[in-house]
């Protein structure tokens, strides 16, 4: 599990890189987020577009995560990658805001709310049959 936070039973969510399992979402998310961060720092990105990126762009990934963990939709590597790209741009915008203003209320609000929603759906996973795929 050196480069993957998944158990061997969930290696379908990983790709093999140099003989090691690497989380597919993380493989896209973090490199792209750091590229966005660097560009944002160099370009001094701020204002409404940064706020929009931070708040709106992660929503497809949050929705996909919740629907999958509530078993409304099945896992799809392709869908996961598609929703991870805007998530990465939003995360890069968030990193930029954080570096400029570590106590930024908008940044921390987005982190807390989206993490809470995803954590809640993961913790509720498996409870209730009404949302499960057959």
Protein backbone atom coordinates (compact mmCIF):
# COMPACT_ATOMS: atom_id res chain seq x y z
CA UNK A 1 0.00 0.00 0.00
CA UNK A 2 2.98 2.32 -0.47
CA UNK A 3 1.30 4.47 -3.13
CA UNK A 4 -2.27 3.37 -2.64
CA UNK A 5 -4.58 3.83 0.29
CA UNK A 6 -6.77 0.96 -0.98
CA UNK A 7 -6.84 -2.55 0.36
CA UNK A 8 -6.00 -5.32 -2.12
CA UNK A 9 -9.73 -6.04 -2.47
CA UNK A 10 -10.14 -2.54 -3.97
CA UNK A 11 -7.20 -2.62 -6.37
CA UNK A 12 -9.71 -2.22 -9.21
CA UNK A 13 -9.56 1.46 -8.19
CA UNK A 14 -5.82 1.52 -8.85
CA UNK A 15 -3.43 1.34 -11.75
CA UNK A 16 -0.16 -0.51 -11.78
CA UNK A 17 2.80 1.87 -12.06
CA UNK A 18 6.30 0.39 -11.98
CA UNK A 19 4.94 -2.69 -10.26
CA UNK A 20 3.07 -0.77 -7.56
CA UNK A 21 -0.64 -0.13 -7.09
CA UNK A 22 -1.41 3.60 -7.29
CA UNK A 23 -4.84 5.05 -6.58
CA UNK A 24 -6.37 6.10 -9.89
CA UNK A 25 -8.07 9.21 -8.46
CA UNK A 26 -4.94 10.35 -6.61
CA UNK A 27 -2.81 9.79 -9.71
CA UNK A 28 -4.88 12.41 -11.53
CA UNK A 29 -5.88 14.63 -8.61
CA UNK A 30 -2.63 15.63 -6.98
CA UNK A 31 -0.34 16.27 -9.96
CA UNK A 32 -3.03 18.34 -11.69
CA UNK A 33 -3.89 20.22 -8.48
CA UNK A 34 -0.25 21.14 -7.98
CA UNK A 35 0.04 22.34 -11.60
CA UNK A 36 -3.04 24.54 -11.04
CA UNK A 37 -1.50 25.81 -7.78
CA UNK A 38 1.75 26.80 -9.50
CA UNK A 39 -0.09 28.52 -12.34
CA UNK A 40 -2.36 30.31 -9.86
CA UNK A 41 0.61 31.50 -7.79
CA UNK A 42 2.48 32.76 -10.84
CA UNK A 43 -0.60 34.41 -12.35
CA UNK A 44 -1.78 35.75 -8.97
CA UNK A 45 -5.20 34.16 -9.52
CA UNK A 46 -7.92 35.54 -7.28
CA UNK A 47 -11.42 36.90 -7.44
CA UNK A 48 -14.71 35.40 -8.58
CA UNK A 49 -13.22 32.75 -10.88
CA UNK A 50 -11.07 31.37 -8.07
CA UNK A 51 -14.10 31.26 -5.78
CA UNK A 52 -16.15 29.58 -8.49
CA UNK A 53 -13.40 27.00 -9.06
CA UNK A 54 -13.07 26.27 -5.36
CA UNK A 55 -16.79 25.93 -4.67
CA UNK A 56 -18.35 24.58 -7.88
CA UNK A 57 -15.72 22.44 -9.62
CA UNK A 58 -15.46 19.82 -6.84
CA UNK A 59 -19.25 19.21 -6.86
CA UNK A 60 -19.33 16.53 -9.61
CA UNK A 61 -16.73 14.48 -7.70
CA UNK A 62 -18.59 14.92 -4.42
CA UNK A 63 -21.86 13.86 -6.05
CA UNK A 64 -20.20 10.88 -7.74
CA UNK A 65 -18.58 9.81 -4.47
CA UNK A 66 -21.86 10.02 -2.57
CA UNK A 67 -23.86 8.17 -5.23
CA UNK A 68 -21.28 5.41 -5.45
CA UNK A 69 -20.97 4.97 -1.70
CA UNK A 70 -24.74 4.98 -1.30
CA UNK A 71 -24.75 2.31 -4.03
CA UNK A 72 -26.94 4.31 -6.38
CA UNK A 73 -24.31 3.97 -9.14
CA UNK A 74 -21.57 1.42 -9.68
CA UNK A 75 -17.90 2.34 -9.65
CA UNK A 76 -16.66 3.48 -13.04
CA UNK A 77 -12.97 4.27 -13.62
CA UNK A 78 -13.83 6.48 -16.59
CA UNK A 79 -16.45 8.50 -14.69
CA UNK A 80 -14.10 8.78 -11.74
CA UNK A 81 -11.38 10.28 -13.94
CA UNK A 82 -13.81 12.68 -15.61
CA UNK A 83 -15.04 14.10 -12.29
CA UNK A 84 -11.52 14.17 -10.83
CA UNK A 85 -10.26 16.68 -13.40
CA UNK A 86 -12.52 19.55 -12.27
CA UNK A 87 -11.97 18.45 -8.65
CA UNK A 88 -8.22 18.88 -9.19
CA UNK A 89 -8.69 22.40 -10.58
CA UNK A 90 -10.84 23.27 -7.55
CA UNK A 91 -8.28 21.74 -5.19
CA UNK A 92 -5.49 23.71 -6.86
CA UNK A 93 -7.53 26.89 -6.39
CA UNK A 94 -8.03 25.93 -2.77
CA UNK A 95 -4.32 25.33 -2.26
CA UNK A 96 -3.67 28.78 -3.77
CA UNK A 97 -6.14 30.43 -1.39
CA UNK A 98 -4.71 28.52 1.56
CA UNK A 99 -1.14 29.57 0.81
CA UNK A 100 -2.20 33.21 0.49
CA UNK A 101 -4.57 33.15 3.48
CA UNK A 102 -4.20 30.02 5.70
CA UNK A 103 -7.21 30.98 7.81
CA UNK A 104 -9.47 31.71 4.83
CA UNK A 105 -13.05 30.99 5.89
CA UNK A 106 -14.22 30.06 2.37
CA UNK A 107 -11.43 27.51 1.91
CA UNK A 108 -12.06 25.86 5.28
CA UNK A 109 -15.83 25.94 4.82
CA UNK A 110 -15.54 24.06 1.53
CA UNK A 111 -13.11 21.55 3.08
CA UNK A 112 -15.34 20.91 6.10
CA UNK A 113 -18.65 20.73 4.21
CA UNK A 114 -17.48 18.55 1.31
CA UNK A 115 -15.46 16.29 3.61
CA UNK A 116 -18.46 15.95 5.91
CA UNK A 117 -20.76 15.04 3.04
CA UNK A 118 -18.34 12.42 1.68
CA UNK A 119 -17.50 11.04 5.10
CA UNK A 120 -21.17 10.80 5.98
CA UNK A 121 -21.97 8.88 2.82
CA UNK A 122 -19.03 6.52 3.38
CA UNK A 123 -20.05 5.87 6.98
CA UNK A 124 -23.65 5.26 5.98
CA UNK A 125 -22.53 2.85 3.24
CA UNK A 126 -24.30 -0.44 3.58
CA UNK A 127 -27.16 0.85 5.72
CA UNK A 128 -30.56 0.50 4.13
CA UNK A 129 -31.37 -1.47 1.00
CA UNK A 130 -33.48 1.17 -0.72
CA UNK A 131 -30.50 2.76 -2.52
CA UNK A 132 -28.55 -0.37 -3.41
CA UNK A 133 -27.95 -1.55 -6.92
CA UNK A 134 -29.13 -5.04 -7.62
